[in-house]
Amino acid sequence: MDIAKLAVAAAFGLLPTLIWLLFFLREDAGRPEPGKEILKFFLIGGFMAAASAILVEFWLKGVFADYKIAYFSVLGLLVFAFVEETAKFLSARILLRKDPYFDEPIDAMIYLITVGLGFAAIENFFELAGSAFSAIPELVILRFIGATLLHALSSGFVGYYWARGRTMRGLLVATLLHTAFNWMVLGFPGLPVYPSIILVIAAIFLLRDFDIIKTIKEKVIA
C-alpha cells in the first residue's frame, strides 16, 4: 500500500480523536492527570483494547457463521458492541492497577474516555487506509461526529458507573448506545443526521454525569 496514504490515514485518523480528547480533558480542570498518563492510556490502552476486541470478534464471527447468525443482526450488533466496550474497560482497569494518579472519581471517566479514543484512532486508521484517497476528508468529518465521538461517550458512561460502583450497568448503557448507533448507521445509510441525534442526546447525559461526579469526593478504589 502507498506509504503516503498510510501516513495520511494515520494523521487524519488521529485528528478527530485528539480534538475530542482535548474537549473532554477540560472536564478535569481541577486536578488534571499528567500528560504522560494520558498518553499511556491513549496509546497502550487503545492498542490493548483494539487488539483484544479484534481477537474475540474474529473468533465470534466463526461461531456466528456456525449458527447462521447474521453479523449485522441486532444480536450480532449487541454482542460485538459488548465485546468492544468490555475490552476498553478491561484495558483501562489493567493499566490503573496501583496507579498513584487514580485518586478521584472523575479520573475513571477521563481514563476510560482516553482509552476509548485510542481505540477509535486505530479504527479510524484502518477505515481511512482502506478507502479511496479522495474519500478521506469526508470520512474524517463523518467519523469525527460519528464513531469517534461514540467511543468517547460509551467509554465515559462505563467510567461514570464504574466510579459509582455499578460497572455492569455502565457496560449495559454503553452497549445499548453502541448498538443503537450502529443500527441507525446501517438502517439509514447516507443519513448521518439520525445516528448523530443519538450521540447528541448521549453527550448531554454524559456532561450531566461529569457534573454529578465532580460533587463526589470519595477516592476510587483501583
C-alpha atoms as a PDB file:
ATOM      1  CA  MET A   1       0.000   0.000   0.000  1.00  0.00           C
ATOM      2  CA  ASP A   2       1.121   3.566  -0.709  1.00  0.00           C
ATOM      3  CA  ILE A   3       3.249   4.848   2.194  1.00  0.00           C
ATOM      4  CA  ALA A   4       1.946   8.383   1.673  1.00  0.00           C
ATOM      5  CA  LYS A   5      -1.632   7.169   2.004  1.00  0.00           C
ATOM      6  CA  LEU A   6      -0.801   5.288   5.205  1.00  0.00           C
ATOM      7  CA  ALA A   7       0.766   8.440   6.640  1.00  0.00           C
ATOM      8  CA  VAL A   8      -2.299  10.480   5.718  1.00  0.00           C
ATOM      9  CA  ALA A   9      -4.590   7.811   7.194  1.00  0.00           C
ATOM     10  CA  ALA A  10      -2.586   7.811  10.433  1.00  0.00           C
ATOM     11  CA  ALA A  11      -2.566  11.618  10.708  1.00  0.00           C
ATOM     12  CA  PHE A  12      -6.224  12.102   9.898  1.00  0.00           C
ATOM     13  CA  GLY A  13      -7.189   9.085  11.969  1.00  0.00           C
ATOM     14  CA  LEU A  14      -5.633  10.792  14.987  1.00  0.00           C
ATOM     15  CA  LEU A  15      -7.053  14.237  14.311  1.00  0.00           C
ATOM     16  CA  PRO A  16     -10.694  13.677  15.386  1.00  0.00           C
ATOM     17  CA  THR A  17      -9.645  11.649  18.424  1.00  0.00           C
ATOM     18  CA  LEU A  18      -7.257  14.346  19.653  1.00  0.00           C
ATOM     19  CA  ILE A  19      -9.890  17.055  19.236  1.00  0.00           C
ATOM     20  CA  TRP A  20     -12.388  15.107  21.353  1.00  0.00           C
ATOM     21  CA  LEU A  21      -9.691  14.191  23.868  1.00  0.00           C
ATOM     22  CA  LEU A  22      -8.826  17.847  24.437  1.00  0.00           C
ATOM     23  CA  PHE A  23     -12.526  18.621  24.784  1.00  0.00           C
ATOM     24  CA  PHE A  24     -13.159  16.022  27.486  1.00  0.00           C
ATOM     25  CA  LEU A  25      -9.911  16.695  29.351  1.00  0.00           C
ATOM     26  CA  ARG A  26     -11.290  20.164  30.090  1.00  0.00           C
ATOM     27  CA  GLU A  27     -13.803  18.497  32.415  1.00  0.00           C
ATOM     28  CA  ASP A  28     -10.937  17.586  34.770  1.00  0.00           C
ATOM     29  CA  ALA A  29      -9.629  21.109  35.193  1.00  0.00           C
ATOM     30  CA  GLY A  30      -9.271  20.876  38.979  1.00  0.00           C
ATOM     31  CA  ARG A  31      -6.638  18.149  39.295  1.00  0.00           C
ATOM     32  CA  PRO A  32      -5.776  17.123  35.726  1.00  0.00           C
ATOM     33  CA  GLU A  33      -3.921  13.909  35.042  1.00  0.00           C
ATOM     34  CA  PRO A  34      -0.265  14.142  33.905  1.00  0.00           C
ATOM     35  CA  GLY A  35       0.253  14.234  30.172  1.00  0.00           C
ATOM     36  CA  LYS A  36       2.389  11.080  30.288  1.00  0.00           C
ATOM     37  CA  GLU A  37      -0.512   9.182  31.870  1.00  0.00           C
ATOM     38  CA  ILE A  38      -2.971  10.368  29.253  1.00  0.00           C
ATOM     39  CA  LEU A  39      -0.528   9.378  26.512  1.00  0.00           C
ATOM     40  CA  LYS A  40      -0.048   5.928  28.082  1.00  0.00           C
ATOM     41  CA  PHE A  41      -3.759   5.250  28.224  1.00  0.00           C
ATOM     42  CA  PHE A  42      -4.346   6.618  24.736  1.00  0.00           C
ATOM     43  CA  LEU A  43      -1.594   4.572  23.072  1.00  0.00           C
ATOM     44  CA  ILE A  44      -1.187   1.444  25.185  1.00  0.00           C
ATOM     45  CA  GLY A  45      -4.758   1.260  26.437  1.00  0.00           C
ATOM     46  CA  GLY A  46      -6.192   1.892  22.998  1.00  0.00           C
ATOM     47  CA  PHE A  47      -3.950  -0.743  21.433  1.00  0.00           C
ATOM     48  CA  MET A  48      -4.710  -3.328  24.122  1.00  0.00           C
ATOM     49  CA  ALA A  49      -8.443  -2.756  23.730  1.00  0.00           C
ATOM     50  CA  ALA A  50      -8.376  -2.888  19.934  1.00  0.00           C
ATOM     51  CA  ALA A  51      -6.155  -5.986  19.785  1.00  0.00           C
ATOM     52  CA  SER A  52      -8.224  -7.949  22.306  1.00  0.00           C
ATOM     53  CA  ALA A  53     -11.511  -6.921  20.672  1.00  0.00           C
ATOM     54  CA  ILE A  54     -10.242  -7.976  17.239  1.00  0.00           C
ATOM     55  CA  LEU A  55      -9.202 -11.399  18.515  1.00  0.00           C
ATOM     56  CA  VAL A  56     -12.523 -12.046  20.267  1.00  0.00           C
ATOM     57  CA  GLU A  57     -14.559 -10.728  17.333  1.00  0.00           C
ATOM     58  CA  PHE A  58     -12.601 -12.910  14.904  1.00  0.00           C
ATOM     59  CA  TRP A  59     -13.492 -15.961  16.985  1.00  0.00           C
ATOM     60  CA  LEU A  60     -17.112 -14.865  17.321  1.00  0.00           C
ATOM     61  CA  LYS A  61     -17.505 -14.472  13.574  1.00  0.00           C
ATOM     62  CA  GLY A  62     -16.756 -18.181  13.225  1.00  0.00           C
ATOM     63  CA  VAL A  63     -19.270 -19.021  15.956  1.00  0.00           C
ATOM     64  CA  PHE A  64     -21.907 -16.835  14.324  1.00  0.00           C
ATOM     65  CA  ALA A  65     -21.259 -18.476  10.958  1.00  0.00           C
ATOM     66  CA  ASP A  66     -21.696 -21.950  12.504  1.00  0.00           C
ATOM     67  CA  TYR A  67     -25.050 -20.964  13.987  1.00  0.00           C
ATOM     68  CA  LYS A  68     -26.064 -18.936  10.921  1.00  0.00           C
ATOM     69  CA  ILE A  69     -26.380 -15.714  12.907  1.00  0.00           C
ATOM     70  CA  ALA A  70     -26.046 -12.633  10.714  1.00  0.00           C
ATOM     71  CA  TYR A  71     -23.145 -10.385  11.655  1.00  0.00           C
ATOM     72  CA  PHE A  72     -25.311  -7.274  11.232  1.00  0.00           C
ATOM     73  CA  SER A  73     -28.361  -8.640  13.024  1.00  0.00           C
ATOM     74  CA  VAL A  74     -29.477  -6.947  16.249  1.00  0.00           C
ATOM     75  CA  LEU A  75     -27.985  -9.851  18.213  1.00  0.00           C
ATOM     76  CA  GLY A  76     -24.731  -9.536  16.311  1.00  0.00           C
ATOM     77  CA  LEU A  77     -24.563  -5.787  16.889  1.00  0.00           C
ATOM     78  CA  LEU A  78     -25.265  -6.252  20.604  1.00  0.00           C
ATOM     79  CA  VAL A  79     -22.614  -8.916  21.067  1.00  0.00           C
ATOM     80  CA  PHE A  80     -19.886  -7.092  19.191  1.00  0.00           C
ATOM     81  CA  ALA A  81     -20.694  -3.808  20.925  1.00  0.00           C
ATOM     82  CA  PHE A  82     -20.438  -5.549  24.304  1.00  0.00           C
ATOM     83  CA  VAL A  83     -17.093  -7.065  23.318  1.00  0.00           C
ATOM     84  CA  GLU A  84     -15.642  -3.681  22.392  1.00  0.00           C
ATOM     85  CA  GLU A  85     -16.965  -1.893  25.468  1.00  0.00           C
ATOM     86  CA  THR A  86     -15.670  -4.665  27.732  1.00  0.00           C
ATOM     87  CA  ALA A  87     -12.277  -4.643  26.009  1.00  0.00           C
ATOM     88  CA  LYS A  88     -11.917  -0.899  26.586  1.00  0.00           C
ATOM     89  CA  PHE A  89     -12.922  -1.203  30.236  1.00  0.00           C
ATOM     90  CA  LEU A  90     -10.600  -4.129  30.996  1.00  0.00           C
ATOM     91  CA  SER A  91      -7.672  -2.413  29.285  1.00  0.00           C
ATOM     92  CA  ALA A  92      -8.156   0.679  31.424  1.00  0.00           C
ATOM     93  CA  ARG A  93      -8.662  -1.452  34.522  1.00  0.00           C
ATOM     94  CA  ILE A  94      -5.378  -3.269  33.962  1.00  0.00           C
ATOM     95  CA  LEU A  95      -3.427  -0.048  33.417  1.00  0.00           C
ATOM     96  CA  LEU A  96      -4.979   1.548  36.500  1.00  0.00           C
ATOM     97  CA  ARG A  97      -3.713  -1.066  38.957  1.00  0.00           C
ATOM     98  CA  LYS A  98      -1.765   0.760  41.672  1.00  0.00           C
ATOM     99  CA  ASP A  99      -1.782   3.944  39.606  1.00  0.00           C
ATOM    100  CA  PRO A 100      -0.938   6.807  42.017  1.00  0.00           C
ATOM    101  CA  TYR A 101      -2.778   9.363  39.878  1.00  0.00           C
ATOM    102  CA  PHE A 102      -6.090   7.486  40.050  1.00  0.00           C
ATOM    103  CA  ASP A 103      -7.251   9.303  43.162  1.00  0.00           C
ATOM    104  CA  GLU A 104     -10.683  10.791  42.484  1.00  0.00           C
ATOM    105  CA  PRO A 105     -13.934   9.539  40.883  1.00  0.00           C
ATOM    106  CA  ILE A 106     -13.726  11.740  37.780  1.00  0.00           C
ATOM    107  CA  ASP A 107     -10.444  10.020  36.861  1.00  0.00           C
ATOM    108  CA  ALA A 108     -12.384   6.872  35.996  1.00  0.00           C
ATOM    109  CA  MET A 109     -14.291   8.777  33.312  1.00  0.00           C
ATOM    110  CA  ILE A 110     -11.198  10.561  31.996  1.00  0.00           C
ATOM    111  CA  TYR A 111      -9.108   7.405  31.694  1.00  0.00           C
ATOM    112  CA  LEU A 112     -11.927   5.366  30.117  1.00  0.00           C
ATOM    113  CA  ILE A 113     -12.607   8.104  27.567  1.00  0.00           C
ATOM    114  CA  THR A 114      -8.887   8.272  26.778  1.00  0.00           C
ATOM    115  CA  VAL A 115      -8.720   4.525  26.138  1.00  0.00           C
ATOM    116  CA  GLY A 116     -11.905   4.742  24.070  1.00  0.00           C
ATOM    117  CA  LEU A 117     -10.403   7.451  21.886  1.00  0.00           C
ATOM    118  CA  GLY A 118      -7.187   5.460  21.482  1.00  0.00           C
ATOM    119  CA  PHE A 119      -9.367   2.573  20.308  1.00  0.00           C
ATOM    120  CA  ALA A 120     -11.178   4.930  17.914  1.00  0.00           C
ATOM    121  CA  ALA A 121      -7.868   6.186  16.487  1.00  0.00           C
ATOM    122  CA  ILE A 122      -6.942   2.643  15.455  1.00  0.00           C
ATOM    123  CA  GLU A 123     -10.395   2.104  13.967  1.00  0.00           C
ATOM    124  CA  ASN A 124     -10.078   5.387  12.076  1.00  0.00           C
ATOM    125  CA  PHE A 125      -6.693   4.433  10.665  1.00  0.00           C
ATOM    126  CA  PHE A 126      -7.906   1.157   9.195  1.00  0.00           C
ATOM    127  CA  GLU A 127     -11.089   2.759   7.878  1.00  0.00           C
ATOM    128  CA  LEU A 128      -9.188   5.551   6.147  1.00  0.00           C
ATOM    129  CA  ALA A 129      -6.372   3.316   4.914  1.00  0.00           C
ATOM    130  CA  GLY A 130      -8.910   1.047   3.217  1.00  0.00           C
ATOM    131  CA  SER A 131     -10.787   3.861   1.490  1.00  0.00           C
ATOM    132  CA  ALA A 132     -10.120   5.852  -1.655  1.00  0.00           C
ATOM    133  CA  PHE A 133      -7.723   8.749  -1.144  1.00  0.00           C
ATOM    134  CA  SER A 134     -10.331  11.256  -2.345  1.00  0.00           C
ATOM    135  CA  ALA A 135     -12.847   9.981   0.232  1.00  0.00           C
ATOM    136  CA  ILE A 136     -10.606  10.618   3.254  1.00  0.00           C
ATOM    137  CA  PRO A 137     -11.710  14.224   4.002  1.00  0.00           C
ATOM    138  CA  GLU A 138     -15.407  13.265   4.058  1.00  0.00           C
ATOM    139  CA  LEU A 139     -14.717  10.153   6.134  1.00  0.00           C
ATOM    140  CA  VAL A 140     -12.744  12.162   8.690  1.00  0.00           C
ATOM    141  CA  ILE A 141     -15.704  14.503   9.183  1.00  0.00           C
ATOM    142  CA  LEU A 142     -18.184  11.636   9.413  1.00  0.00           C
ATOM    143  CA  ARG A 143     -16.059   9.764  11.928  1.00  0.00           C
ATOM    144  CA  PHE A 144     -15.459  12.935  13.945  1.00  0.00           C
ATOM    145  CA  ILE A 145     -19.199  13.406  14.530  1.00  0.00           C
ATOM    146  CA  GLY A 146     -19.870   9.670  14.482  1.00  0.00           C
ATOM    147  CA  ALA A 147     -17.807   6.663  15.524  1.00  0.00           C
ATOM    148  CA  THR A 148     -15.045   8.622  17.253  1.00  0.00           C
ATOM    149  CA  LEU A 149     -17.495  10.510  19.461  1.00  0.00           C
ATOM    150  CA  LEU A 150     -19.404   7.268  20.060  1.00  0.00           C
ATOM    151  CA  HIS A 151     -16.350   5.580  21.590  1.00  0.00           C
ATOM    152  CA  ALA A 152     -15.678   8.580  23.824  1.00  0.00           C
ATOM    153  CA  LEU A 153     -19.276   8.720  25.061  1.00  0.00           C
ATOM    154  CA  SER A 154     -19.768   4.995  25.595  1.00  0.00           C
ATOM    155  CA  SER A 155     -16.472   4.707  27.475  1.00  0.00           C
ATOM    156  CA  GLY A 156     -17.386   7.766  29.517  1.00  0.00           C
ATOM    157  CA  PHE A 157     -20.591   6.091  30.691  1.00  0.00           C
ATOM    158  CA  VAL A 158     -18.648   2.993  31.723  1.00  0.00           C
ATOM    159  CA  GLY A 159     -16.217   5.179  33.659  1.00  0.00           C
ATOM    160  CA  TYR A 160     -19.040   7.027  35.397  1.00  0.00           C
ATOM    161  CA  TYR A 161     -20.833   3.898  36.548  1.00  0.00           C
ATOM    162  CA  TRP A 162     -17.561   2.224  37.498  1.00  0.00           C
ATOM    163  CA  ALA A 163     -16.782   5.167  39.764  1.00  0.00           C
ATOM    164  CA  ARG A 164     -20.239   4.727  41.299  1.00  0.00           C
ATOM    165  CA  GLY A 165     -19.661   1.002  41.878  1.00  0.00           C
ATOM    166  CA  ARG A 166     -22.068  -0.079  39.126  1.00  0.00           C
ATOM    167  CA  THR A 167     -19.757  -1.320  36.391  1.00  0.00           C
ATOM    168  CA  MET A 168     -22.187  -3.775  34.790  1.00  0.00           C
ATOM    169  CA  ARG A 169     -24.789  -1.029  34.482  1.00  0.00           C
ATOM    170  CA  GLY A 170     -22.192   1.097  32.735  1.00  0.00           C
ATOM    171  CA  LEU A 171     -21.334  -1.689  30.308  1.00  0.00           C
ATOM    172  CA  LEU A 172     -25.043  -2.192  29.627  1.00  0.00           C
ATOM    173  CA  VAL A 173     -25.622   1.503  28.914  1.00  0.00           C
ATOM    174  CA  ALA A 174     -22.530   1.669  26.710  1.00  0.00           C
ATOM    175  CA  THR A 175     -23.507  -1.485  24.813  1.00  0.00           C
ATOM    176  CA  LEU A 176     -27.033  -0.230  24.152  1.00  0.00           C
ATOM    177  CA  LEU A 177     -25.742   3.150  22.964  1.00  0.00           C
ATOM    178  CA  HIS A 178     -23.145   1.487  20.749  1.00  0.00           C
ATOM    179  CA  THR A 179     -25.724  -0.906  19.311  1.00  0.00           C
ATOM    180  CA  ALA A 180     -28.309   1.814  18.682  1.00  0.00           C
ATOM    181  CA  PHE A 181     -25.737   3.942  16.865  1.00  0.00           C
ATOM    182  CA  ASN A 182     -24.563   1.083  14.648  1.00  0.00           C
ATOM    183  CA  TRP A 183     -28.158   0.048  13.932  1.00  0.00           C
ATOM    184  CA  MET A 184     -29.020   3.600  12.847  1.00  0.00           C
ATOM    185  CA  VAL A 185     -25.927   3.810  10.638  1.00  0.00           C
ATOM    186  CA  LEU A 186     -26.853   0.539   8.925  1.00  0.00           C
ATOM    187  CA  GLY A 187     -30.563   1.300   8.792  1.00  0.00           C
ATOM    188  CA  PHE A 188     -30.188   4.791   7.351  1.00  0.00           C
ATOM    189  CA  PRO A 189     -27.105   4.736   5.111  1.00  0.00           C
ATOM    190  CA  GLY A 190     -26.164   8.140   3.785  1.00  0.00           C
ATOM    191  CA  LEU A 191     -28.165   9.912   6.517  1.00  0.00           C
ATOM    192  CA  PRO A 192     -25.691  10.616   9.344  1.00  0.00           C
ATOM    193  CA  VAL A 193     -28.137  13.024  10.998  1.00  0.00           C
ATOM    194  CA  TYR A 194     -30.085  10.187  12.631  1.00  0.00           C
ATOM    195  CA  PRO A 195     -27.204   8.451  14.432  1.00  0.00           C
ATOM    196  CA  SER A 196     -25.806  11.899  15.239  1.00  0.00           C
ATOM    197  CA  ILE A 197     -29.016  12.769  17.104  1.00  0.00           C
ATOM    198  CA  ILE A 198     -28.444   9.733  19.337  1.00  0.00           C
ATOM    199  CA  LEU A 199     -24.928  10.928  20.104  1.00  0.00           C
ATOM    200  CA  VAL A 200     -26.062  14.481  20.883  1.00  0.00           C
ATOM    201  CA  ILE A 201     -28.605  13.153  23.391  1.00  0.00           C
ATOM    202  CA  ALA A 202     -25.984  10.818  24.886  1.00  0.00           C
ATOM    203  CA  ALA A 203     -23.488  13.690  25.134  1.00  0.00           C
ATOM    204  CA  ILE A 204     -25.991  15.770  27.117  1.00  0.00           C
ATOM    205  CA  PHE A 205     -26.395  12.945  29.625  1.00  0.00           C
ATOM    206  CA  LEU A 206     -22.637  12.351  29.835  1.00  0.00           C
ATOM    207  CA  LEU A 207     -21.935  16.016  30.542  1.00  0.00           C
ATOM    208  CA  ARG A 208     -24.560  15.815  33.283  1.00  0.00           C
ATOM    209  CA  ASP A 209     -22.709  12.786  34.670  1.00  0.00           C
ATOM    210  CA  PHE A 210     -19.496  14.824  34.715  1.00  0.00           C
ATOM    211  CA  ASP A 211     -21.260  17.462  36.803  1.00  0.00           C
ATOM    212  CA  ILE A 212     -22.506  14.782  39.199  1.00  0.00           C
ATOM    213  CA  ILE A 213     -19.156  13.025  39.554  1.00  0.00           C
ATOM    214  CA  LYS A 214     -17.425  16.320  40.382  1.00  0.00           C
ATOM    215  CA  THR A 215     -19.517  16.529  43.552  1.00  0.00           C
ATOM    216  CA  ILE A 216     -18.350  13.107  44.766  1.00  0.00           C
ATOM    217  CA  LYS A 217     -15.138  13.231  46.776  1.00  0.00           C
ATOM    218  CA  GLU A 218     -14.608   9.606  47.779  1.00  0.00           C
ATOM    219  CA  LYS A 219     -11.458   8.043  46.392  1.00  0.00           C
ATOM    220  CA  VAL A 220     -11.955   5.454  43.692  1.00  0.00           C
ATOM    221  CA  ILE A 221     -10.524   2.085  44.682  1.00  0.00           C
ATOM    222  CA  ALA A 222      -8.407   0.811  41.784  1.00  0.00           C
END
